[in-house]
Amino acid sequence: MKLIWVITAMSLFPITMLYFVAFKKVTAQLESKHPETWKSLGEIGFIKNNSITNSNKVIMFLLKKEYQLLNDKELDRQANQCRALLISGFALTLIAFVMPILIGKYA
């Protein structure tokens, strides 16, 4: 069980880095090709305007697949990748926090 935790914890770093790259591509695409949507999301950037409210707007935009309404195949591809990385990272983070409890309880 400890090996699973180590693998999970180690995989979080590359997934986070890939998510940052995908997020940057999605926001750049929104800013250049869909400025009205970008503005409605709070003109969010990697650091600029990255408040909790704006972050929640972007996360829901990705999770609900609202980007598909824009009919932009390139954005769909990038946003799908960003969405998958977001969900994977969340799941792995959850596992990384629960595993030490299970290891302590059943070891």
N, C-alpha and C. Protein backbone atom coordinates (compact mmCIF):
# COMPACT_ATOMS: atom_id res chain seq x y z
N MET A 1 0.82 -1.19 0.00
CA MET A 1 0.00 0.00 0.00
C MET A 1 0.88 1.26 0.00
N LYS A 2 2.04 1.17 0.64
CA LYS A 2 2.95 2.30 0.68
C LYS A 2 3.46 2.63 -0.72
N LEU A 3 3.71 1.59 -1.52
CA LEU A 3 4.19 1.79 -2.89
C LEU A 3 3.14 2.55 -3.71
N ILE A 4 1.88 2.23 -3.53
CA ILE A 4 0.81 2.93 -4.24
C ILE A 4 0.81 4.41 -3.88
N TRP A 5 1.00 4.70 -2.58
CA TRP A 5 1.04 6.10 -2.15
C TRP A 5 2.22 6.84 -2.76
N VAL A 6 3.38 6.20 -2.79
CA VAL A 6 4.58 6.84 -3.36
C VAL A 6 4.36 7.12 -4.85
N ILE A 7 3.84 6.16 -5.58
CA ILE A 7 3.58 6.35 -7.01
C ILE A 7 2.56 7.46 -7.23
N THR A 8 1.52 7.47 -6.43
CA THR A 8 0.49 8.52 -6.53
C THR A 8 1.08 9.89 -6.26
N ALA A 9 1.82 9.99 -5.17
CA ALA A 9 2.40 11.28 -4.80
C ALA A 9 3.41 11.76 -5.85
N MET A 10 4.20 10.84 -6.38
CA MET A 10 5.20 11.21 -7.39
C MET A 10 4.55 11.62 -8.72
N SER A 11 3.41 11.06 -9.02
CA SER A 11 2.74 11.39 -10.29
C SER A 11 2.04 12.75 -10.24
N LEU A 12 1.83 13.29 -9.06
CA LEU A 12 1.17 14.59 -8.94
C LEU A 12 1.99 15.72 -9.55
N PHE A 13 3.30 15.68 -9.41
CA PHE A 13 4.14 16.77 -9.93
C PHE A 13 4.04 16.88 -11.46
N PRO A 14 4.27 15.81 -12.23
CA PRO A 14 4.16 15.98 -13.69
C PRO A 14 2.75 16.33 -14.14
N ILE A 15 1.74 15.80 -13.49
CA ILE A 15 0.36 16.13 -13.86
C ILE A 15 0.09 17.60 -13.60
N THR A 16 0.59 18.12 -12.50
CA THR A 16 0.42 19.54 -12.18
C THR A 16 1.12 20.41 -13.22
N MET A 17 2.33 20.05 -13.59
CA MET A 17 3.07 20.83 -14.59
C MET A 17 2.35 20.79 -15.95
N LEU A 18 1.87 19.61 -16.33
CA LEU A 18 1.13 19.50 -17.59
C LEU A 18 -0.16 20.31 -17.55
N TYR A 19 -0.83 20.33 -16.39
CA TYR A 19 -2.04 21.12 -16.24
C TYR A 19 -1.73 22.61 -16.40
N PHE A 20 -0.64 23.07 -15.81
CA PHE A 20 -0.27 24.48 -15.94
C PHE A 20 -0.06 24.86 -17.40
N VAL A 21 0.61 23.99 -18.15
CA VAL A 21 0.84 24.25 -19.58
C VAL A 21 -0.49 24.26 -20.33
N ALA A 22 -1.34 23.27 -20.07
CA ALA A 22 -2.64 23.19 -20.75
C ALA A 22 -3.52 24.39 -20.38
N PHE A 23 -3.51 24.79 -19.12
CA PHE A 23 -4.30 25.94 -18.67
C PHE A 23 -3.84 27.20 -19.38
N LYS A 24 -2.53 27.37 -19.50
CA LYS A 24 -1.97 28.54 -20.17
C LYS A 24 -2.43 28.58 -21.64
N LYS A 25 -2.42 27.43 -22.31
CA LYS A 25 -2.86 27.36 -23.71
C LYS A 25 -4.35 27.68 -23.84
N VAL A 26 -5.15 27.14 -22.94
CA VAL A 26 -6.60 27.38 -23.00
C VAL A 26 -6.91 28.85 -22.77
N THR A 27 -6.30 29.45 -21.76
CA THR A 27 -6.59 30.86 -21.50
C THR A 27 -6.08 31.76 -22.62
N ALA A 28 -4.94 31.41 -23.21
CA ALA A 28 -4.43 32.20 -24.35
C ALA A 28 -5.37 32.09 -25.54
N GLN A 29 -5.88 30.90 -25.77
CA GLN A 29 -6.82 30.67 -26.87
C GLN A 29 -8.12 31.45 -26.62
N LEU A 30 -8.61 31.41 -25.41
CA LEU A 30 -9.83 32.15 -25.08
C LEU A 30 -9.62 33.65 -25.25
N GLU A 31 -8.48 34.13 -24.78
CA GLU A 31 -8.21 35.57 -24.87
C GLU A 31 -8.11 36.04 -26.31
N SER A 32 -7.48 35.24 -27.18
CA SER A 32 -7.27 35.67 -28.56
C SER A 32 -8.47 35.43 -29.47
N LYS A 33 -9.14 34.28 -29.32
CA LYS A 33 -10.21 33.93 -30.25
C LYS A 33 -11.62 34.13 -29.69
N HIS A 34 -11.75 34.14 -28.38
CA HIS A 34 -13.07 34.26 -27.75
C HIS A 34 -13.00 35.25 -26.60
N PRO A 35 -12.69 36.51 -26.89
CA PRO A 35 -12.49 37.49 -25.82
C PRO A 35 -13.72 37.72 -24.94
N GLU A 36 -14.93 37.57 -25.49
CA GLU A 36 -16.12 37.77 -24.68
C GLU A 36 -16.25 36.68 -23.60
N THR A 37 -15.91 35.45 -23.95
CA THR A 37 -15.93 34.36 -22.97
C THR A 37 -14.82 34.54 -21.95
N TRP A 38 -13.65 34.94 -22.44
CA TRP A 38 -12.51 35.18 -21.55
C TRP A 38 -12.85 36.27 -20.53
N LYS A 39 -13.52 37.32 -20.98
CA LYS A 39 -13.94 38.39 -20.07
C LYS A 39 -14.98 37.90 -19.06
N SER A 40 -15.90 37.06 -19.53
CA SER A 40 -16.93 36.55 -18.62
C SER A 40 -16.34 35.63 -17.55
N LEU A 41 -15.17 35.05 -17.83
CA LEU A 41 -14.49 34.21 -16.85
C LEU A 41 -13.58 35.02 -15.93
N GLY A 42 -13.63 36.33 -16.07
CA GLY A 42 -12.86 37.21 -15.20
C GLY A 42 -11.49 37.58 -15.75
N GLU A 43 -11.32 37.44 -17.06
CA GLU A 43 -10.03 37.76 -17.71
C GLU A 43 -8.89 37.07 -16.98
N ILE A 44 -9.11 35.81 -16.66
CA ILE A 44 -8.16 35.06 -15.86
C ILE A 44 -6.89 34.76 -16.65
N GLY A 45 -5.79 34.83 -15.96
CA GLY A 45 -4.50 34.47 -16.52
C GLY A 45 -3.82 33.50 -15.57
N PHE A 46 -2.60 33.14 -15.89
CA PHE A 46 -1.87 32.20 -15.05
C PHE A 46 -1.67 32.77 -13.65
N ILE A 47 -1.39 34.05 -13.57
CA ILE A 47 -1.24 34.71 -12.26
C ILE A 47 -2.21 35.88 -12.17
N LYS A 48 -2.33 36.65 -13.23
CA LYS A 48 -3.18 37.83 -13.26
C LYS A 48 -4.66 37.45 -13.11
N ASN A 49 -5.35 38.16 -12.23
CA ASN A 49 -6.79 37.96 -11.99
C ASN A 49 -7.14 36.53 -11.58
N ASN A 50 -6.23 35.87 -10.92
CA ASN A 50 -6.46 34.48 -10.53
C ASN A 50 -7.00 34.42 -9.10
N SER A 51 -8.21 34.94 -8.93
CA SER A 51 -8.85 34.92 -7.61
C SER A 51 -9.64 33.62 -7.45
N ILE A 52 -10.13 33.37 -6.27
CA ILE A 52 -10.92 32.15 -6.03
C ILE A 52 -12.17 32.16 -6.89
N THR A 53 -12.82 33.30 -6.99
CA THR A 53 -14.04 33.41 -7.80
C THR A 53 -13.75 33.11 -9.26
N ASN A 54 -12.71 33.74 -9.81
CA ASN A 54 -12.37 33.51 -11.22
C ASN A 54 -11.91 32.07 -11.45
N SER A 55 -11.16 31.53 -10.51
CA SER A 55 -10.70 30.14 -10.64
C SER A 55 -11.90 29.19 -10.66
N ASN A 56 -12.87 29.44 -9.79
CA ASN A 56 -14.08 28.60 -9.77
C ASN A 56 -14.84 28.70 -11.08
N LYS A 57 -14.91 29.89 -11.66
CA LYS A 57 -15.57 30.06 -12.96
C LYS A 57 -14.90 29.21 -14.02
N VAL A 58 -13.58 29.24 -14.05
CA VAL A 58 -12.83 28.47 -15.06
C VAL A 58 -12.96 26.98 -14.82
N ILE A 59 -12.89 26.56 -13.56
CA ILE A 59 -13.03 25.14 -13.25
C ILE A 59 -14.41 24.64 -13.69
N MET A 60 -15.46 25.39 -13.40
CA MET A 60 -16.80 24.97 -13.82
C MET A 60 -16.94 25.02 -15.34
N PHE A 61 -16.32 26.00 -15.97
CA PHE A 61 -16.30 26.10 -17.43
C PHE A 61 -15.70 24.82 -18.03
N LEU A 62 -14.64 24.32 -17.41
CA LEU A 62 -13.99 23.10 -17.90
C LEU A 62 -14.81 21.86 -17.55
N LEU A 63 -15.26 21.75 -16.30
CA LEU A 63 -15.98 20.55 -15.87
C LEU A 63 -17.31 20.37 -16.59
N LYS A 64 -18.00 21.48 -16.85
CA LYS A 64 -19.29 21.41 -17.55
C LYS A 64 -19.13 21.36 -19.07
N LYS A 65 -17.90 21.42 -19.54
CA LYS A 65 -17.58 21.41 -20.98
C LYS A 65 -18.27 22.55 -21.72
N GLU A 66 -18.36 23.71 -21.09
CA GLU A 66 -19.00 24.87 -21.73
C GLU A 66 -18.21 25.37 -22.93
N TYR A 67 -16.95 25.03 -23.01
CA TYR A 67 -16.11 25.42 -24.15
C TYR A 67 -16.60 24.82 -25.45
N GLN A 68 -17.33 23.73 -25.38
CA GLN A 68 -17.84 23.10 -26.60
C GLN A 68 -18.88 23.97 -27.31
N LEU A 69 -19.51 24.86 -26.57
CA LEU A 69 -20.50 25.76 -27.15
C LEU A 69 -19.87 26.79 -28.09
N LEU A 70 -18.55 26.96 -28.00
CA LEU A 70 -17.85 27.95 -28.82
C LEU A 70 -17.51 27.42 -30.22
N ASN A 71 -17.72 26.13 -30.46
CA ASN A 71 -17.48 25.51 -31.77
C ASN A 71 -16.08 25.81 -32.30
N ASP A 72 -15.09 25.55 -31.48
CA ASP A 72 -13.69 25.76 -31.83
C ASP A 72 -12.96 24.44 -31.56
N LYS A 73 -12.63 23.72 -32.64
CA LYS A 73 -12.04 22.38 -32.48
C LYS A 73 -10.71 22.41 -31.73
N GLU A 74 -9.88 23.41 -32.00
CA GLU A 74 -8.59 23.51 -31.32
C GLU A 74 -8.79 23.77 -29.82
N LEU A 75 -9.71 24.66 -29.49
CA LEU A 75 -10.02 24.92 -28.09
C LEU A 75 -10.60 23.67 -27.44
N ASP A 76 -11.48 22.96 -28.14
CA ASP A 76 -12.05 21.72 -27.60
C ASP A 76 -10.95 20.73 -27.24
N ARG A 77 -9.99 20.56 -28.12
CA ARG A 77 -8.90 19.62 -27.90
C ARG A 77 -8.08 20.03 -26.67
N GLN A 78 -7.71 21.30 -26.63
CA GLN A 78 -6.89 21.79 -25.52
C GLN A 78 -7.66 21.77 -24.20
N ALA A 79 -8.92 22.18 -24.24
CA ALA A 79 -9.73 22.22 -23.02
C ALA A 79 -10.05 20.80 -22.53
N ASN A 80 -10.25 19.85 -23.43
CA ASN A 80 -10.47 18.46 -23.02
C ASN A 80 -9.24 17.92 -22.29
N GLN A 81 -8.06 18.25 -22.81
CA GLN A 81 -6.82 17.83 -22.15
C GLN A 81 -6.70 18.49 -20.78
N CYS A 82 -7.00 19.76 -20.71
CA CYS A 82 -6.94 20.50 -19.45
C CYS A 82 -7.93 19.90 -18.45
N ARG A 83 -9.12 19.59 -18.91
CA ARG A 83 -10.16 19.01 -18.06
C ARG A 83 -9.73 17.64 -17.53
N ALA A 84 -9.17 16.81 -18.39
CA ALA A 84 -8.71 15.48 -17.97
C ALA A 84 -7.60 15.59 -16.93
N LEU A 85 -6.68 16.52 -17.13
CA LEU A 85 -5.60 16.72 -16.17
C LEU A 85 -6.13 17.24 -14.83
N LEU A 86 -7.11 18.12 -14.90
CA LEU A 86 -7.73 18.66 -13.68
C LEU A 86 -8.39 17.55 -12.88
N ILE A 87 -9.17 16.73 -13.54
CA ILE A 87 -9.87 15.62 -12.86
C ILE A 87 -8.86 14.60 -12.33
N SER A 88 -7.86 14.27 -13.13
CA SER A 88 -6.83 13.31 -12.69
C SER A 88 -6.07 13.84 -11.48
N GLY A 89 -5.69 15.10 -11.55
CA GLY A 89 -4.97 15.70 -10.43
C GLY A 89 -5.79 15.72 -9.16
N PHE A 90 -7.07 16.03 -9.29
CA PHE A 90 -7.95 16.04 -8.12
C PHE A 90 -8.06 14.64 -7.53
N ALA A 91 -8.27 13.64 -8.38
CA ALA A 91 -8.39 12.25 -7.91
C ALA A 91 -7.10 11.77 -7.24
N LEU A 92 -5.96 12.07 -7.84
CA LEU A 92 -4.69 11.66 -7.26
C LEU A 92 -4.41 12.38 -5.94
N THR A 93 -4.80 13.64 -5.86
CA THR A 93 -4.63 14.38 -4.61
C THR A 93 -5.48 13.75 -3.51
N LEU A 94 -6.70 13.40 -3.84
CA LEU A 94 -7.58 12.75 -2.88
C LEU A 94 -6.97 11.43 -2.40
N ILE A 95 -6.46 10.65 -3.34
CA ILE A 95 -5.82 9.37 -2.98
C ILE A 95 -4.59 9.63 -2.11
N ALA A 96 -3.78 10.62 -2.47
CA ALA A 96 -2.56 10.92 -1.71
C ALA A 96 -2.87 11.32 -0.27
N PHE A 97 -4.01 11.95 -0.04
CA PHE A 97 -4.37 12.33 1.32
C PHE A 97 -5.05 11.20 2.10
N VAL A 98 -5.75 10.32 1.40
CA VAL A 98 -6.45 9.22 2.06
C VAL A 98 -5.51 8.04 2.35
N MET A 99 -4.56 7.79 1.47
CA MET A 99 -3.68 6.63 1.62
C MET A 99 -2.91 6.62 2.96
N PRO A 100 -2.33 7.73 3.41
CA PRO A 100 -1.64 7.67 4.71
C PRO A 100 -2.56 7.27 5.85
N ILE A 101 -3.83 7.65 5.77
CA ILE A 101 -4.79 7.26 6.81
C ILE A 101 -5.00 5.76 6.76
N LEU A 102 -5.18 5.24 5.54
CA LEU A 102 -5.38 3.79 5.39
C LEU A 102 -4.12 3.01 5.77
N ILE A 103 -2.96 3.54 5.39
CA ILE A 103 -1.72 2.85 5.75
C ILE A 103 -1.56 2.80 7.26
N GLY A 104 -1.85 3.89 7.93
CA GLY A 104 -1.76 3.92 9.39
C GLY A 104 -2.76 3.04 10.06
N LYS A 105 -3.93 2.92 9.47
CA LYS A 105 -5.02 2.14 10.09
C LYS A 105 -4.82 0.64 9.89
N TYR A 106 -4.34 0.23 8.71
CA TYR A 106 -4.26 -1.19 8.39
C TYR A 106 -2.84 -1.74 8.37
N ALA A 107 -1.85 -0.93 8.67
CA ALA A 107 -0.47 -1.43 8.63
C ALA A 107 -0.09 -2.16 9.89
